[in-house]
Amino acid sequence: MSESRYFMDKHDERLRRLFASLCAQIDGGHMRNAIKTCDKILRIDPADPDAHKTKLFLLLHTEQYDAALPLAHHRFERAYTLYRLHREDDALRVLGTGDDRATAHLRAQMSYRTASYARAVELYTQLLESADPHSEEHADILTNLRAAQAHCDFMDTGYLRALGALAIDDVLTAPPPQVEGAGRGAAP
C-alpha cells in the first residue's frame, strides 16, 4: 500500500467515526456537541456538503442565528435566518418572488411580525386552502390565521370600541388625580 493511500484510508476512517458520532449526538439531543463534531469534520474536509448543511441546521435549531448566517447560502435558508435575526427587510429582499409553500409560510410570518395582519390573513388563507385538513401543517396554519385575524378584528373594531368606552371627553376635562399624601409634606 502506498503512503498516500494509507493516509487516505486513515482520513476516511476518521470521517466515518466522526459522522457516526455526529448521528449519535443528534439522536441523543446533544446539539452543541454535534456542532463541535461538524467543526471537526469540516477541519478534515472543508468542502463536505453534509457537514455544512448539518451545521447550519444545528445552529438554527440552537438559535445561534448570527453564526448560522454565513452558512446560509441558499435563498430560503438565508431569508429564514435573516427573519430569525429580526431583519425582515433584508429577508424579503433575499426571498425574492418565490411561490413555493415554504416561501409563502415565511412571507406570512414576516407579515404578522411587521403588523401587516391583513396580508398575513391573506397568505395564511391561501396556505390553508391547499393544506391537508388532517395534517399538523393545517393545524399550525389555522392557529396562525386565527391570531392574524384577531389582530385585524381588533384594529378594525375592537380598538375603536375601546376608545369609545373611554369617554375621552370626561378624561380630557377632569381635574388631575390627587395623589395620596401629596401636598402635606409626606415623604414619598
C-alpha atoms as a PDB file:
ATOM      1  CA  MET A   1       0.000   0.000   0.000  1.00  0.00           C
ATOM      2  CA  SER A   2       1.370   3.390  -0.928  1.00  0.00           C
ATOM      3  CA  GLU A   3       1.902   6.050   1.715  1.00  0.00           C
ATOM      4  CA  SER A   4      -0.726   8.371   0.178  1.00  0.00           C
ATOM      5  CA  ARG A   5      -3.283   5.525   0.111  1.00  0.00           C
ATOM      6  CA  TYR A   6      -2.553   4.808   3.796  1.00  0.00           C
ATOM      7  CA  PHE A   7      -3.266   8.421   4.768  1.00  0.00           C
ATOM      8  CA  MET A   8      -6.418   8.429   2.612  1.00  0.00           C
ATOM      9  CA  ASP A   9      -7.711   5.309   4.396  1.00  0.00           C
ATOM     10  CA  LYS A  10      -6.953   6.862   7.816  1.00  0.00           C
ATOM     11  CA  HIS A  11      -8.670  10.052   6.701  1.00  0.00           C
ATOM     12  CA  ASP A  12     -11.782   8.145   5.528  1.00  0.00           C
ATOM     13  CA  GLU A  13     -11.917   6.080   8.707  1.00  0.00           C
ATOM     14  CA  ARG A  14     -11.721   9.192  10.894  1.00  0.00           C
ATOM     15  CA  LEU A  15     -14.529  10.835   8.897  1.00  0.00           C
ATOM     16  CA  ARG A  16     -16.688   7.692   9.251  1.00  0.00           C
ATOM     17  CA  ARG A  17     -16.171   7.714  13.020  1.00  0.00           C
ATOM     18  CA  LEU A  18     -16.951  11.437  13.251  1.00  0.00           C
ATOM     19  CA  PHE A  19     -20.132  11.075  11.185  1.00  0.00           C
ATOM     20  CA  ALA A  20     -21.218   8.116  13.346  1.00  0.00           C
ATOM     21  CA  SER A  21     -20.587  10.240  16.439  1.00  0.00           C
ATOM     22  CA  LEU A  22     -22.487  13.153  14.855  1.00  0.00           C
ATOM     23  CA  CYS A  23     -25.538  10.963  14.215  1.00  0.00           C
ATOM     24  CA  ALA A  24     -25.476   9.648  17.788  1.00  0.00           C
ATOM     25  CA  GLN A  25     -25.173  13.173  19.194  1.00  0.00           C
ATOM     26  CA  ILE A  26     -28.110  14.412  17.145  1.00  0.00           C
ATOM     27  CA  ASP A  27     -30.210  11.357  18.047  1.00  0.00           C
ATOM     28  CA  GLY A  28     -29.368  11.946  21.710  1.00  0.00           C
ATOM     29  CA  GLY A  29     -30.234  15.639  21.541  1.00  0.00           C
ATOM     30  CA  HIS A  30     -26.671  16.796  22.191  1.00  0.00           C
ATOM     31  CA  MET A  31     -26.790  19.598  19.658  1.00  0.00           C
ATOM     32  CA  ARG A  32     -23.905  21.715  20.954  1.00  0.00           C
ATOM     33  CA  ASN A  33     -21.576  18.704  20.883  1.00  0.00           C
ATOM     34  CA  ALA A  34     -22.853  17.889  17.401  1.00  0.00           C
ATOM     35  CA  ILE A  35     -21.844  21.386  16.247  1.00  0.00           C
ATOM     36  CA  LYS A  36     -18.321  20.737  17.563  1.00  0.00           C
ATOM     37  CA  THR A  37     -18.248  17.438  15.684  1.00  0.00           C
ATOM     38  CA  CYS A  38     -19.297  19.233  12.482  1.00  0.00           C
ATOM     39  CA  ASP A  39     -16.386  21.595  13.026  1.00  0.00           C
ATOM     40  CA  LYS A  40     -14.004  18.619  13.346  1.00  0.00           C
ATOM     41  CA  ILE A  41     -15.367  17.146  10.113  1.00  0.00           C
ATOM     42  CA  LEU A  42     -15.005  20.482   8.334  1.00  0.00           C
ATOM     43  CA  ARG A  43     -11.384  20.787   9.501  1.00  0.00           C
ATOM     44  CA  ILE A  44     -10.675  17.473   7.774  1.00  0.00           C
ATOM     45  CA  ASP A  45     -12.848  18.135   4.719  1.00  0.00           C
ATOM     46  CA  PRO A  46     -13.783  21.829   4.448  1.00  0.00           C
ATOM     47  CA  ALA A  47     -15.998  21.211   1.400  1.00  0.00           C
ATOM     48  CA  ASP A  48     -18.154  18.430   2.855  1.00  0.00           C
ATOM     49  CA  PRO A  49     -21.743  19.444   1.939  1.00  0.00           C
ATOM     50  CA  ASP A  50     -23.362  17.170   4.544  1.00  0.00           C
ATOM     51  CA  ALA A  51     -21.305  18.672   7.362  1.00  0.00           C
ATOM     52  CA  HIS A  52     -22.128  22.204   6.178  1.00  0.00           C
ATOM     53  CA  LYS A  53     -25.860  21.517   5.908  1.00  0.00           C
ATOM     54  CA  THR A  54     -25.931  19.706   9.251  1.00  0.00           C
ATOM     55  CA  LYS A  55     -24.061  22.503  10.994  1.00  0.00           C
ATOM     56  CA  LEU A  56     -26.478  25.074   9.568  1.00  0.00           C
ATOM     57  CA  PHE A  57     -29.445  23.011  10.795  1.00  0.00           C
ATOM     58  CA  LEU A  58     -27.880  22.653  14.243  1.00  0.00           C
ATOM     59  CA  LEU A  59     -27.098  26.358  14.541  1.00  0.00           C
ATOM     60  CA  LEU A  60     -30.680  27.229  13.574  1.00  0.00           C
ATOM     61  CA  HIS A  61     -32.043  24.600  15.958  1.00  0.00           C
ATOM     62  CA  THR A  62     -29.991  26.029  18.835  1.00  0.00           C
ATOM     63  CA  GLU A  63     -30.991  29.601  17.897  1.00  0.00           C
ATOM     64  CA  GLN A  64     -27.441  30.669  17.002  1.00  0.00           C
ATOM     65  CA  TYR A  65     -28.626  32.763  14.075  1.00  0.00           C
ATOM     66  CA  ASP A  66     -25.601  35.066  13.812  1.00  0.00           C
ATOM     67  CA  ALA A  67     -23.340  32.031  13.477  1.00  0.00           C
ATOM     68  CA  ALA A  68     -25.745  30.400  11.007  1.00  0.00           C
ATOM     69  CA  LEU A  69     -25.947  33.348   8.619  1.00  0.00           C
ATOM     70  CA  PRO A  70     -22.545  32.824   6.914  1.00  0.00           C
ATOM     71  CA  LEU A  71     -23.501  29.167   6.268  1.00  0.00           C
ATOM     72  CA  ALA A  72     -26.914  30.015   4.787  1.00  0.00           C
ATOM     73  CA  HIS A  73     -26.128  30.068   1.071  1.00  0.00           C
ATOM     74  CA  HIS A  74     -29.470  29.079  -0.410  1.00  0.00           C
ATOM     75  CA  ARG A  75     -32.118  31.753  -0.864  1.00  0.00           C
ATOM     76  CA  PHE A  76     -34.686  30.336   1.567  1.00  0.00           C
ATOM     77  CA  GLU A  77     -32.153  29.389   4.250  1.00  0.00           C
ATOM     78  CA  ARG A  78     -30.647  32.860   4.152  1.00  0.00           C
ATOM     79  CA  ALA A  79     -34.049  34.591   4.225  1.00  0.00           C
ATOM     80  CA  TYR A  80     -35.191  32.417   7.146  1.00  0.00           C
ATOM     81  CA  THR A  81     -32.009  33.159   9.092  1.00  0.00           C
ATOM     82  CA  LEU A  82     -32.401  36.891   8.462  1.00  0.00           C
ATOM     83  CA  TYR A  83     -36.031  36.662   9.596  1.00  0.00           C
ATOM     84  CA  ARG A  84     -34.934  34.971  12.822  1.00  0.00           C
ATOM     85  CA  LEU A  85     -32.455  37.830  13.318  1.00  0.00           C
ATOM     86  CA  HIS A  86     -35.401  40.273  13.039  1.00  0.00           C
ATOM     87  CA  ARG A  87     -34.059  41.631   9.755  1.00  0.00           C
ATOM     88  CA  GLU A  88     -37.329  41.327   7.836  1.00  0.00           C
ATOM     89  CA  ASP A  89     -36.462  43.886   5.126  1.00  0.00           C
ATOM     90  CA  ASP A  90     -33.268  42.007   4.276  1.00  0.00           C
ATOM     91  CA  ALA A  91     -35.122  38.694   4.413  1.00  0.00           C
ATOM     92  CA  LEU A  92     -37.776  39.909   1.977  1.00  0.00           C
ATOM     93  CA  ARG A  93     -35.104  41.156  -0.429  1.00  0.00           C
ATOM     94  CA  VAL A  94     -33.324  37.790  -0.342  1.00  0.00           C
ATOM     95  CA  LEU A  95     -36.560  35.814  -0.568  1.00  0.00           C
ATOM     96  CA  GLY A  96     -37.467  37.409  -3.871  1.00  0.00           C
ATOM     97  CA  THR A  97     -40.519  36.235  -5.760  1.00  0.00           C
ATOM     98  CA  GLY A  98     -40.556  32.514  -4.976  1.00  0.00           C
ATOM     99  CA  ASP A  99     -44.022  30.992  -4.778  1.00  0.00           C
ATOM    100  CA  ASP A 100     -43.453  27.648  -3.043  1.00  0.00           C
ATOM    101  CA  ARG A 101     -45.177  26.770   0.253  1.00  0.00           C
ATOM    102  CA  ALA A 102     -42.119  27.404   2.408  1.00  0.00           C
ATOM    103  CA  THR A 103     -41.729  30.875   0.933  1.00  0.00           C
ATOM    104  CA  ALA A 104     -45.437  31.603   1.469  1.00  0.00           C
ATOM    105  CA  HIS A 105     -45.158  30.477   5.111  1.00  0.00           C
ATOM    106  CA  LEU A 106     -42.155  32.713   5.667  1.00  0.00           C
ATOM    107  CA  ARG A 107     -43.863  35.679   3.981  1.00  0.00           C
ATOM    108  CA  ALA A 108     -46.912  35.153   6.211  1.00  0.00           C
ATOM    109  CA  GLN A 109     -44.745  35.030   9.332  1.00  0.00           C
ATOM    110  CA  MET A 110     -42.926  38.203   8.327  1.00  0.00           C
ATOM    111  CA  SER A 111     -46.242  39.929   7.571  1.00  0.00           C
ATOM    112  CA  TYR A 112     -47.506  39.042  11.025  1.00  0.00           C
ATOM    113  CA  ARG A 113     -44.303  40.170  12.748  1.00  0.00           C
ATOM    114  CA  THR A 114     -44.343  43.515  10.935  1.00  0.00           C
ATOM    115  CA  ALA A 115     -48.014  44.091  11.851  1.00  0.00           C
ATOM    116  CA  SER A 116     -49.242  43.597   8.261  1.00  0.00           C
ATOM    117  CA  TYR A 117     -52.046  41.478   9.641  1.00  0.00           C
ATOM    118  CA  ALA A 118     -54.362  41.705   6.620  1.00  0.00           C
ATOM    119  CA  ARG A 119     -51.544  40.413   4.371  1.00  0.00           C
ATOM    120  CA  ALA A 120     -50.814  37.627   6.879  1.00  0.00           C
ATOM    121  CA  VAL A 121     -54.509  36.634   6.845  1.00  0.00           C
ATOM    122  CA  GLU A 122     -54.463  36.567   3.047  1.00  0.00           C
ATOM    123  CA  LEU A 123     -51.346  34.379   2.907  1.00  0.00           C
ATOM    124  CA  TYR A 124     -52.456  32.014   5.671  1.00  0.00           C
ATOM    125  CA  THR A 125     -55.867  31.637   3.994  1.00  0.00           C
ATOM    126  CA  GLN A 126     -54.188  30.644   0.716  1.00  0.00           C
ATOM    127  CA  LEU A 127     -51.969  28.158   2.536  1.00  0.00           C
ATOM    128  CA  LEU A 128     -54.910  26.717   4.461  1.00  0.00           C
ATOM    129  CA  GLU A 129     -56.912  26.102   1.298  1.00  0.00           C
ATOM    130  CA  SER A 130     -54.244  23.782  -0.070  1.00  0.00           C
ATOM    131  CA  ALA A 131     -53.204  22.074   3.186  1.00  0.00           C
ATOM    132  CA  ASP A 132     -54.269  18.539   4.072  1.00  0.00           C
ATOM    133  CA  PRO A 133     -57.002  19.036   6.708  1.00  0.00           C
ATOM    134  CA  HIS A 134     -55.603  16.169   8.787  1.00  0.00           C
ATOM    135  CA  SER A 135     -52.016  17.402   8.833  1.00  0.00           C
ATOM    136  CA  GLU A 136     -50.052  19.148  11.547  1.00  0.00           C
ATOM    137  CA  GLU A 137     -49.378  21.894   8.998  1.00  0.00           C
ATOM    138  CA  HIS A 138     -53.131  22.552   8.708  1.00  0.00           C
ATOM    139  CA  ALA A 139     -53.437  22.947  12.481  1.00  0.00           C
ATOM    140  CA  ASP A 140     -50.421  25.298  12.604  1.00  0.00           C
ATOM    141  CA  ILE A 141     -51.716  27.429   9.742  1.00  0.00           C
ATOM    142  CA  LEU A 142     -55.161  27.612  11.337  1.00  0.00           C
ATOM    143  CA  THR A 143     -53.646  28.783  14.634  1.00  0.00           C
ATOM    144  CA  ASN A 144     -51.597  31.453  12.866  1.00  0.00           C
ATOM    145  CA  LEU A 145     -54.579  32.520  10.748  1.00  0.00           C
ATOM    146  CA  ARG A 146     -56.726  32.941  13.862  1.00  0.00           C
ATOM    147  CA  ALA A 147     -54.045  35.065  15.542  1.00  0.00           C
ATOM    148  CA  ALA A 148     -53.664  37.300  12.482  1.00  0.00           C
ATOM    149  CA  GLN A 149     -57.447  37.589  12.131  1.00  0.00           C
ATOM    150  CA  ALA A 150     -57.791  38.520  15.812  1.00  0.00           C
ATOM    151  CA  HIS A 151     -55.326  41.370  15.284  1.00  0.00           C
ATOM    152  CA  CYS A 152     -57.228  42.531  12.193  1.00  0.00           C
ATOM    153  CA  ASP A 153     -60.515  42.410  14.087  1.00  0.00           C
ATOM    154  CA  PHE A 154     -59.061  44.354  16.988  1.00  0.00           C
ATOM    155  CA  MET A 155     -57.626  47.036  14.697  1.00  0.00           C
ATOM    156  CA  ASP A 156     -60.861  47.263  12.688  1.00  0.00           C
ATOM    157  CA  THR A 157     -63.390  47.266  15.512  1.00  0.00           C
ATOM    158  CA  GLY A 158     -62.033  46.356  18.942  1.00  0.00           C
ATOM    159  CA  TYR A 159     -59.666  49.303  19.152  1.00  0.00           C
ATOM    160  CA  LEU A 160     -62.386  51.758  18.160  1.00  0.00           C
ATOM    161  CA  ARG A 161     -64.828  50.253  20.674  1.00  0.00           C
ATOM    162  CA  ALA A 162     -62.185  50.511  23.389  1.00  0.00           C
ATOM    163  CA  LEU A 163     -61.580  54.162  22.558  1.00  0.00           C
ATOM    164  CA  GLY A 164     -65.319  54.838  22.605  1.00  0.00           C
ATOM    165  CA  ALA A 165     -65.636  53.207  26.008  1.00  0.00           C
ATOM    166  CA  LEU A 166     -63.034  55.573  27.464  1.00  0.00           C
ATOM    167  CA  ALA A 167     -65.395  58.560  27.375  1.00  0.00           C
ATOM    168  CA  ILE A 168     -62.497  60.666  26.193  1.00  0.00           C
ATOM    169  CA  ASP A 169     -64.304  63.989  26.816  1.00  0.00           C
ATOM    170  CA  ASP A 170     -64.569  63.153  30.521  1.00  0.00           C
ATOM    171  CA  VAL A 171     -60.885  62.242  30.651  1.00  0.00           C
ATOM    172  CA  LEU A 172     -59.828  65.488  28.951  1.00  0.00           C
ATOM    173  CA  THR A 173     -61.936  67.785  31.184  1.00  0.00           C
ATOM    174  CA  ALA A 174     -61.434  66.022  34.514  1.00  0.00           C
ATOM    175  CA  PRO A 175     -59.056  67.556  37.058  1.00  0.00           C
ATOM    176  CA  PRO A 176     -55.777  65.728  37.640  1.00  0.00           C
ATOM    177  CA  PRO A 177     -55.984  62.881  40.130  1.00  0.00           C
ATOM    178  CA  GLN A 178     -54.957  63.555  43.718  1.00  0.00           C
ATOM    179  CA  VAL A 179     -52.010  61.580  44.977  1.00  0.00           C
ATOM    180  CA  GLU A 180     -52.390  60.193  48.462  1.00  0.00           C
ATOM    181  CA  GLY A 181     -50.240  62.206  50.872  1.00  0.00           C
ATOM    182  CA  ALA A 182     -49.210  64.802  48.250  1.00  0.00           C
ATOM    183  CA  GLY A 183     -49.056  68.400  49.423  1.00  0.00           C
ATOM    184  CA  ARG A 184     -48.983  67.533  53.098  1.00  0.00           C
ATOM    185  CA  GLY A 185     -45.225  67.209  53.464  1.00  0.00           C
ATOM    186  CA  ALA A 186     -45.398  63.432  53.479  1.00  0.00           C
ATOM    187  CA  ALA A 187     -42.385  61.570  52.200  1.00  0.00           C
ATOM    188  CA  PRO A 188     -42.959  59.549  49.013  1.00  0.00           C
END
